[in-house]
PDB file of all heavy atoms in Angstrom:
ATOM      1  N   ASP A   1      -7.617  -9.333   7.865  1.00  0.00           N
ATOM      2  CA  ASP A   1      -6.610  -8.245   7.761  1.00  0.00           C
ATOM      3  C   ASP A   1      -7.196  -7.137   6.861  1.00  0.00           C
ATOM      4  O   ASP A   1      -7.127  -6.003   7.179  1.00  0.00           O
ATOM      5  CB  ASP A   1      -5.303  -8.766   7.190  1.00  0.00           C
ATOM      6  CG  ASP A   1      -4.470  -9.531   8.093  1.00  0.00           C
ATOM      7  OD1 ASP A   1      -4.779  -9.537   9.330  1.00  0.00           O
ATOM      8  OD2 ASP A   1      -3.483 -10.229   7.660  1.00  0.00           O
ATOM      9  N   ALA A   2      -7.774  -7.537   5.730  1.00  0.00           N
ATOM     10  CA  ALA A   2      -8.276  -6.586   4.777  1.00  0.00           C
ATOM     11  C   ALA A   2      -9.424  -5.841   5.397  1.00  0.00           C
ATOM     12  O   ALA A   2      -9.529  -4.588   5.143  1.00  0.00           O
ATOM     13  CB  ALA A   2      -8.736  -7.211   3.470  1.00  0.00           C
ATOM     14  N   ALA A   3     -10.274  -6.374   6.108  1.00  0.00           N
ATOM     15  CA  ALA A   3     -11.378  -5.746   6.706  1.00  0.00           C
ATOM     16  C   ALA A   3     -10.971  -4.806   7.827  1.00  0.00           C
ATOM     17  O   ALA A   3     -11.673  -3.777   8.139  1.00  0.00           O
ATOM     18  CB  ALA A   3     -12.382  -6.802   7.260  1.00  0.00           C
ATOM     19  N   ALA A   4      -9.880  -5.106   8.482  1.00  0.00           N
ATOM     20  CA  ALA A   4      -9.438  -4.312   9.658  1.00  0.00           C
ATOM     21  C   ALA A   4      -8.630  -3.100   9.261  1.00  0.00           C
ATOM     22  O   ALA A   4      -8.550  -2.111  10.041  1.00  0.00           O
ATOM     23  CB  ALA A   4      -8.657  -5.229  10.581  1.00  0.00           C
ATOM     24  N   ARG A   5      -7.951  -3.056   8.100  1.00  0.00           N
ATOM     25  CA  ARG A   5      -7.011  -2.052   7.757  1.00  0.00           C
ATOM     26  C   ARG A   5      -7.625  -0.652   7.663  1.00  0.00           C
ATOM     27  O   ARG A   5      -8.823  -0.487   7.384  1.00  0.00           O
ATOM     28  CB  ARG A   5      -6.308  -2.357   6.430  1.00  0.00           C
ATOM     29  CG  ARG A   5      -5.396  -3.558   6.562  1.00  0.00           C
ATOM     30  CD  ARG A   5      -4.902  -3.990   5.193  1.00  0.00           C
ATOM     31  NE  ARG A   5      -3.992  -2.939   4.635  1.00  0.00           N
ATOM     32  CZ  ARG A   5      -2.883  -3.205   3.950  1.00  0.00           C
ATOM     33  NH1 ARG A   5      -2.450  -4.500   3.820  1.00  0.00           N
ATOM     34  NH2 ARG A   5      -2.169  -2.229   3.478  1.00  0.00           N
ATOM     35  N   SER A   6      -6.809   0.329   7.985  1.00  0.00           N
ATOM     36  CA  SER A   6      -7.292   1.751   7.995  1.00  0.00           C
ATOM     37  C   SER A   6      -7.380   2.229   6.528  1.00  0.00           C
ATOM     38  O   SER A   6      -6.318   2.426   5.851  1.00  0.00           O
ATOM     39  CB  SER A   6      -6.353   2.619   8.754  1.00  0.00           C
ATOM     40  OG  SER A   6      -6.546   3.970   8.497  1.00  0.00           O
ATOM     41  N   ALA A   7      -8.579   2.511   6.074  1.00  0.00           N
ATOM     42  CA  ALA A   7      -8.766   3.078   4.743  1.00  0.00           C
ATOM     43  C   ALA A   7      -8.204   4.443   4.613  1.00  0.00           C
ATOM     44  O   ALA A   7      -7.635   4.838   3.597  1.00  0.00           O
ATOM     45  CB  ALA A   7     -10.239   3.023   4.347  1.00  0.00           C
ATOM     46  N   SER A   8      -8.342   5.238   5.709  1.00  0.00           N
ATOM     47  CA  SER A   8      -7.842   6.629   5.638  1.00  0.00           C
ATOM     48  C   SER A   8      -6.353   6.701   5.510  1.00  0.00           C
ATOM     49  O   SER A   8      -5.807   7.603   4.798  1.00  0.00           O
ATOM     50  CB  SER A   8      -8.322   7.366   6.916  1.00  0.00           C
ATOM     51  OG  SER A   8      -7.709   6.849   8.117  1.00  0.00           O
ATOM     52  N   LEU A   9      -5.626   5.757   6.173  1.00  0.00           N
ATOM     53  CA  LEU A   9      -4.150   5.832   5.972  1.00  0.00           C
ATOM     54  C   LEU A   9      -3.732   5.334   4.651  1.00  0.00           C
ATOM     55  O   LEU A   9      -2.757   5.830   4.036  1.00  0.00           O
ATOM     56  CB  LEU A   9      -3.435   4.992   7.102  1.00  0.00           C
ATOM     57  CG  LEU A   9      -3.552   5.504   8.479  1.00  0.00           C
ATOM     58  CD1 LEU A   9      -2.633   4.614   9.472  1.00  0.00           C
ATOM     59  CD2 LEU A   9      -3.140   6.939   8.645  1.00  0.00           C
ATOM     60  N   THR A  10      -4.460   4.393   4.088  1.00  0.00           N
ATOM     61  CA  THR A  10      -4.184   3.943   2.687  1.00  0.00           C
ATOM     62  C   THR A  10      -4.396   5.124   1.730  1.00  0.00           C
ATOM     63  O   THR A  10      -3.550   5.347   0.827  1.00  0.00           O
ATOM     64  CB  THR A  10      -5.096   2.767   2.353  1.00  0.00           C
ATOM     65  OG1 THR A  10      -4.836   1.690   3.198  1.00  0.00           O
ATOM     66  CG2 THR A  10      -4.752   2.301   0.920  1.00  0.00           C
ATOM     67  N   HIS A  11      -5.496   5.847   1.913  1.00  0.00           N
ATOM     68  CA  HIS A  11      -5.661   7.031   0.984  1.00  0.00           C
ATOM     69  C   HIS A  11      -4.611   8.071   1.231  1.00  0.00           C
ATOM     70  O   HIS A  11      -4.135   8.707   0.241  1.00  0.00           O
ATOM     71  CB  HIS A  11      -7.080   7.618   1.362  1.00  0.00           C
ATOM     72  CG  HIS A  11      -8.241   6.733   0.927  1.00  0.00           C
ATOM     73  ND1 HIS A  11      -8.263   6.106  -0.271  1.00  0.00           N
ATOM     74  CD2 HIS A  11      -9.373   6.500   1.572  1.00  0.00           C
ATOM     75  CE1 HIS A  11      -9.387   5.454  -0.356  1.00  0.00           C
ATOM     76  NE2 HIS A  11     -10.074   5.644   0.792  1.00  0.00           N
ATOM     77  N   LEU A  12      -4.207   8.293   2.458  1.00  0.00           N
ATOM     78  CA  LEU A  12      -3.205   9.292   2.716  1.00  0.00           C
ATOM     79  C   LEU A  12      -1.883   8.914   1.977  1.00  0.00           C
ATOM     80  O   LEU A  12      -1.210   9.752   1.332  1.00  0.00           O
ATOM     81  CB  LEU A  12      -2.928   9.416   4.233  1.00  0.00           C
ATOM     82  CG  LEU A  12      -1.963  10.416   4.752  1.00  0.00           C
ATOM     83  CD1 LEU A  12      -2.327  10.737   6.223  1.00  0.00           C
ATOM     84  CD2 LEU A  12      -0.508   9.939   4.782  1.00  0.00           C
ATOM     85  N   VAL A  13      -1.471   7.650   2.039  1.00  0.00           N
ATOM     86  CA  VAL A  13      -0.230   7.208   1.415  1.00  0.00           C
ATOM     87  C   VAL A  13      -0.399   7.260  -0.077  1.00  0.00           C
ATOM     88  O   VAL A  13       0.578   7.694  -0.808  1.00  0.00           O
ATOM     89  CB  VAL A  13       0.100   5.763   1.926  1.00  0.00           C
ATOM     90  CG1 VAL A  13       1.150   5.125   1.039  1.00  0.00           C
ATOM     91  CG2 VAL A  13       0.544   5.818   3.360  1.00  0.00           C
ATOM     92  N   ALA A  14      -1.509   6.815  -0.581  1.00  0.00           N
ATOM     93  CA  ALA A  14      -1.688   6.919  -2.074  1.00  0.00           C
ATOM     94  C   ALA A  14      -1.561   8.352  -2.522  1.00  0.00           C
ATOM     95  O   ALA A  14      -0.970   8.575  -3.620  1.00  0.00           O
ATOM     96  CB  ALA A  14      -3.086   6.355  -2.425  1.00  0.00           C
ATOM     97  N   ASP A  15      -2.095   9.326  -1.841  1.00  0.00           N
ATOM     98  CA  ASP A  15      -2.025  10.696  -2.211  1.00  0.00           C
ATOM     99  C   ASP A  15      -0.540  11.148  -2.176  1.00  0.00           C
ATOM    100  O   ASP A  15      -0.119  11.958  -3.005  1.00  0.00           O
ATOM    101  CB  ASP A  15      -2.843  11.527  -1.364  1.00  0.00           C
ATOM    102  CG  ASP A  15      -4.377  11.392  -1.634  1.00  0.00           C
ATOM    103  OD1 ASP A  15      -4.712  10.840  -2.699  1.00  0.00           O
ATOM    104  OD2 ASP A  15      -5.187  11.817  -0.726  1.00  0.00           O
ATOM    105  N   ALA A  16       0.180  10.690  -1.136  1.00  0.00           N
ATOM    106  CA  ALA A  16       1.529  11.133  -0.877  1.00  0.00           C
ATOM    107  C   ALA A  16       2.463  10.725  -2.008  1.00  0.00           C
ATOM    108  O   ALA A  16       3.465  11.391  -2.270  1.00  0.00           O
ATOM    109  CB  ALA A  16       2.036  10.692   0.457  1.00  0.00           C
ATOM    110  N   ILE A  17       2.178   9.638  -2.685  1.00  0.00           N
ATOM    111  CA  ILE A  17       3.070   9.046  -3.725  1.00  0.00           C
ATOM    112  C   ILE A  17       2.503   9.226  -5.096  1.00  0.00           C
ATOM    113  O   ILE A  17       3.052   8.738  -6.065  1.00  0.00           O
ATOM    114  CB  ILE A  17       3.386   7.586  -3.445  1.00  0.00           C
ATOM    115  CG1 ILE A  17       2.123   6.762  -3.465  1.00  0.00           C
ATOM    116  CG2 ILE A  17       4.117   7.435  -2.065  1.00  0.00           C
ATOM    117  CD1 ILE A  17       2.344   5.254  -3.304  1.00  0.00           C
ATOM    118  N   ALA A  18       1.353   9.922  -5.256  1.00  0.00           N
ATOM    119  CA  ALA A  18       0.667   9.975  -6.490  1.00  0.00           C
ATOM    120  C   ALA A  18       1.475  10.588  -7.591  1.00  0.00           C
ATOM    121  O   ALA A  18       1.193  10.380  -8.800  1.00  0.00           O
ATOM    122  CB  ALA A  18      -0.649  10.684  -6.311  1.00  0.00           C
ATOM    123  N   ALA A  19       2.381  11.554  -7.316  1.00  0.00           N
ATOM    124  CA  ALA A  19       3.116  12.230  -8.339  1.00  0.00           C
ATOM    125  C   ALA A  19       4.160  11.380  -9.107  1.00  0.00           C
ATOM    126  O   ALA A  19       4.642  11.735 -10.151  1.00  0.00           O
ATOM    127  CB  ALA A  19       3.845  13.433  -7.678  1.00  0.00           C
ATOM    128  N   HIS A  20       4.449  10.218  -8.505  1.00  0.00           N
ATOM    129  CA  HIS A  20       5.486   9.311  -9.149  1.00  0.00           C
ATOM    130  C   HIS A  20       4.881   8.426 -10.236  1.00  0.00           C
ATOM    131  O   HIS A  20       3.758   7.851 -10.022  1.00  0.00           O
ATOM    132  CB  HIS A  20       6.140   8.496  -8.032  1.00  0.00           C
ATOM    133  CG  HIS A  20       6.797   9.255  -6.913  1.00  0.00           C
ATOM    134  ND1 HIS A  20       7.929  10.010  -7.175  1.00  0.00           N
ATOM    135  CD2 HIS A  20       6.475   9.446  -5.653  1.00  0.00           C
ATOM    136  CE1 HIS A  20       8.299  10.652  -6.035  1.00  0.00           C
ATOM    137  NE2 HIS A  20       7.412  10.308  -5.162  1.00  0.00           N
ATOM    138  N   ASP A  21       5.605   8.216 -11.280  1.00  0.00           N
ATOM    139  CA  ASP A  21       5.140   7.334 -12.328  1.00  0.00           C
ATOM    140  C   ASP A  21       6.295   6.741 -13.045  1.00  0.00           C
ATOM    141  O   ASP A  21       7.045   7.381 -13.754  1.00  0.00           O
ATOM    142  CB  ASP A  21       4.297   8.195 -13.374  1.00  0.00           C
ATOM    143  CG  ASP A  21       3.651   7.312 -14.436  1.00  0.00           C
ATOM    144  OD1 ASP A  21       3.526   6.084 -14.215  1.00  0.00           O
ATOM    145  OD2 ASP A  21       3.355   7.845 -15.501  1.00  0.00           O
ATOM    146  N   PRO A  22       6.539   5.401 -12.794  1.00  0.00           N
ATOM    147  CA  PRO A  22       5.731   4.580 -11.969  1.00  0.00           C
ATOM    148  C   PRO A  22       6.066   4.706 -10.495  1.00  0.00           C
ATOM    149  O   PRO A  22       7.087   5.256 -10.112  1.00  0.00           O
ATOM    150  CB  PRO A  22       6.204   3.171 -12.451  1.00  0.00           C
ATOM    151  CG  PRO A  22       7.607   3.314 -12.850  1.00  0.00           C
ATOM    152  CD  PRO A  22       7.651   4.697 -13.469  1.00  0.00           C
ATOM    153  N   VAL A  23       5.153   4.247  -9.633  1.00  0.00           N
ATOM    154  CA  VAL A  23       5.416   4.188  -8.159  1.00  0.00           C
ATOM    155  C   VAL A  23       6.234   2.936  -7.863  1.00  0.00           C
ATOM    156  O   VAL A  23       5.866   1.783  -8.289  1.00  0.00           O
ATOM    157  CB  VAL A  23       4.108   4.134  -7.392  1.00  0.00           C
ATOM    158  CG1 VAL A  23       4.351   3.936  -5.884  1.00  0.00           C
ATOM    159  CG2 VAL A  23       3.275   5.385  -7.621  1.00  0.00           C
ATOM    160  N   LEU A  24       7.341   3.075  -7.217  1.00  0.00           N
ATOM    161  CA  LEU A  24       8.257   2.014  -6.845  1.00  0.00           C
ATOM    162  C   LEU A  24       7.998   1.624  -5.407  1.00  0.00           C
ATOM    163  O   LEU A  24       8.206   2.503  -4.468  1.00  0.00           O
ATOM    164  CB  LEU A  24       9.674   2.423  -7.077  1.00  0.00           C
ATOM    165  CG  LEU A  24      10.065   2.909  -8.485  1.00  0.00           C
ATOM    166  CD1 LEU A  24      11.545   3.228  -8.571  1.00  0.00           C
ATOM    167  CD2 LEU A  24       9.681   1.908  -9.510  1.00  0.00           C
ATOM    168  N   VAL A  25       7.618   0.424  -5.190  1.00  0.00           N
ATOM    169  CA  VAL A  25       7.184  -0.077  -3.822  1.00  0.00           C
ATOM    170  C   VAL A  25       8.082  -1.227  -3.421  1.00  0.00           C
ATOM    171  O   VAL A  25       8.383  -2.109  -4.167  1.00  0.00           O
ATOM    172  CB  VAL A  25       5.696  -0.576  -3.904  1.00  0.00           C
ATOM    173  CG1 VAL A  25       5.257  -0.940  -2.479  1.00  0.00           C
ATOM    174  CG2 VAL A  25       4.795   0.511  -4.533  1.00  0.00           C
ATOM    175  N   LEU A  26       8.454  -1.223  -2.157  1.00  0.00           N
ATOM    176  CA  LEU A  26       9.092  -2.292  -1.504  1.00  0.00           C
ATOM    177  C   LEU A  26       8.206  -2.866  -0.425  1.00  0.00           C
ATOM    178  O   LEU A  26       7.755  -2.195   0.496  1.00  0.00           O
ATOM    179  CB  LEU A  26      10.427  -1.850  -0.834  1.00  0.00           C
ATOM    180  CG  LEU A  26      11.163  -2.906   0.060  1.00  0.00           C
ATOM    181  CD1 LEU A  26      11.655  -4.043  -0.771  1.00  0.00           C
ATOM    182  CD2 LEU A  26      12.377  -2.129   0.694  1.00  0.00           C
ATOM    183  N   ASP A  27       7.952  -4.193  -0.576  1.00  0.00           N
ATOM    184  CA  ASP A  27       7.115  -4.907   0.452  1.00  0.00           C
ATOM    185  C   ASP A  27       7.969  -5.926   1.219  1.00  0.00           C
ATOM    186  O   ASP A  27       8.508  -6.821   0.627  1.00  0.00           O
ATOM    187  CB  ASP A  27       5.975  -5.658  -0.282  1.00  0.00           C
ATOM    188  CG  ASP A  27       4.925  -6.212   0.741  1.00  0.00           C
ATOM    189  OD1 ASP A  27       4.778  -5.642   1.845  1.00  0.00           O
ATOM    190  OD2 ASP A  27       4.298  -7.203   0.410  1.00  0.00           O
ATOM    191  N   LEU A  28       8.114  -5.636   2.504  1.00  0.00           N
ATOM    192  CA  LEU A  28       9.006  -6.442   3.375  1.00  0.00           C
ATOM    193  C   LEU A  28       8.231  -7.589   4.001  1.00  0.00           C
ATOM    194  O   LEU A  28       7.109  -7.465   4.422  1.00  0.00           O
ATOM    195  CB  LEU A  28       9.569  -5.572   4.455  1.00  0.00           C
ATOM    196  CG  LEU A  28      10.405  -4.358   3.996  1.00  0.00           C
ATOM    197  CD1 LEU A  28      10.735  -3.457   5.224  1.00  0.00           C
ATOM    198  CD2 LEU A  28      11.704  -4.831   3.290  1.00  0.00           C
ATOM    199  N   ALA A  29       8.865  -8.753   4.038  1.00  0.00           N
ATOM    200  CA  ALA A  29       8.234  -9.954   4.594  1.00  0.00           C
ATOM    201  C   ALA A  29       6.864 -10.219   3.958  1.00  0.00           C
ATOM    202  O   ALA A  29       5.913 -10.320   4.649  1.00  0.00           O
ATOM    203  CB  ALA A  29       8.168  -9.861   6.123  1.00  0.00           C
ATOM    204  N   THR A  30       6.859 -10.291   2.662  1.00  0.00           N
ATOM    205  CA  THR A  30       5.635 -10.294   1.947  1.00  0.00           C
ATOM    206  C   THR A  30       4.808 -11.544   2.081  1.00  0.00           C
ATOM    207  O   THR A  30       3.593 -11.560   1.810  1.00  0.00           O
ATOM    208  CB  THR A  30       5.883 -10.038   0.422  1.00  0.00           C
ATOM    209  OG1 THR A  30       4.770  -9.630  -0.305  1.00  0.00           O
ATOM    210  CG2 THR A  30       6.520 -11.282  -0.216  1.00  0.00           C
ATOM    211  N   GLY A  31       5.439 -12.610   2.504  1.00  0.00           N
ATOM    212  CA  GLY A  31       4.652 -13.833   2.651  1.00  0.00           C
ATOM    213  C   GLY A  31       4.111 -14.322   1.336  1.00  0.00           C
ATOM    214  O   GLY A  31       4.826 -14.540   0.377  1.00  0.00           O
ATOM    215  N   THR A  32       2.798 -14.569   1.231  1.00  0.00           N
ATOM    216  CA  THR A  32       2.208 -14.942  -0.042  1.00  0.00           C
ATOM    217  C   THR A  32       1.536 -13.765  -0.759  1.00  0.00           C
ATOM    218  O   THR A  32       0.799 -13.983  -1.701  1.00  0.00           O
ATOM    219  CB  THR A  32       1.159 -16.060   0.158  1.00  0.00           C
ATOM    220  OG1 THR A  32       0.145 -15.593   1.102  1.00  0.00           O
ATOM    221  CG2 THR A  32       1.824 -17.325   0.764  1.00  0.00           C
ATOM    222  N   GLY A  33       1.756 -12.562  -0.256  1.00  0.00           N
ATOM    223  CA  GLY A  33       1.352 -11.400  -1.009  1.00  0.00           C
ATOM    224  C   GLY A  33       0.088 -10.696  -0.622  1.00  0.00           C
ATOM    225  O   GLY A  33      -0.427  -9.902  -1.464  1.00  0.00           O
ATOM    226  N   SER A  34      -0.421 -10.904   0.535  1.00  0.00           N
ATOM    227  CA  SER A  34      -1.701 -10.289   0.873  1.00  0.00           C
ATOM    228  C   SER A  34      -1.573  -8.783   0.907  1.00  0.00           C
ATOM    229  O   SER A  34      -2.581  -8.055   0.523  1.00  0.00           O
ATOM    230  CB  SER A  34      -2.239 -10.831   2.248  1.00  0.00           C
ATOM    231  OG  SER A  34      -1.337 -10.408   3.277  1.00  0.00           O
ATOM    232  N   ASN A  35      -0.524  -8.206   1.308  1.00  0.00           N
ATOM    233  CA  ASN A  35      -0.393  -6.720   1.398  1.00  0.00           C
ATOM    234  C   ASN A  35      -0.396  -6.209  -0.019  1.00  0.00           C
ATOM    235  O   ASN A  35      -1.066  -5.124  -0.289  1.00  0.00           O
ATOM    236  CB  ASN A  35       0.913  -6.393   2.068  1.00  0.00           C
ATOM    237  CG  ASN A  35       1.028  -4.923   2.415  1.00  0.00           C
ATOM    238  OD1 ASN A  35       0.052  -4.255   2.690  1.00  0.00           O
ATOM    239  ND2 ASN A  35       2.269  -4.404   2.387  1.00  0.00           N
ATOM    240  N   LEU A  36       0.263  -6.833  -1.017  1.00  0.00           N
ATOM    241  CA  LEU A  36       0.212  -6.390  -2.374  1.00  0.00           C
ATOM    242  C   LEU A  36      -1.177  -6.477  -2.891  1.00  0.00           C
ATOM    243  O   LEU A  36      -1.649  -5.489  -3.551  1.00  0.00           O
ATOM    244  CB  LEU A  36       1.164  -7.259  -3.231  1.00  0.00           C
ATOM    245  CG  LEU A  36       1.184  -6.912  -4.704  1.00  0.00           C
ATOM    246  CD1 LEU A  36       2.640  -7.073  -5.241  1.00  0.00           C
ATOM    247  CD2 LEU A  36       0.215  -7.744  -5.486  1.00  0.00           C
ATOM    248  N   ARG A  37      -1.838  -7.536  -2.644  1.00  0.00           N
ATOM    249  CA  ARG A  37      -3.250  -7.709  -3.181  1.00  0.00           C
ATOM    250  C   ARG A  37      -4.189  -6.681  -2.638  1.00  0.00           C
ATOM    251  O   ARG A  37      -5.129  -6.251  -3.316  1.00  0.00           O
ATOM    252  CB  ARG A  37      -3.720  -9.086  -2.915  1.00  0.00           C
ATOM    253  CG  ARG A  37      -3.070 -10.191  -3.747  1.00  0.00           C
ATOM    254  CD  ARG A  37      -3.678 -11.540  -3.643  1.00  0.00           C
ATOM    255  NE  ARG A  37      -3.384 -12.158  -2.339  1.00  0.00           N
ATOM    256  CZ  ARG A  37      -2.350 -12.903  -2.078  1.00  0.00           C
ATOM    257  NH1 ARG A  37      -1.383 -13.048  -2.991  1.00  0.00           N
ATOM    258  NH2 ARG A  37      -2.230 -13.491  -0.844  1.00  0.00           N
TER     259      ARG A  37
END
């Protein structure tokens, strides 16, 4: 999963939320947390 994910979309999202401090995130169906990691 980690190798396949789009780095460009991750960067886009990180830039879009960069003004918030702290950033508040909701992870749905998180399982054992791979998305968070």
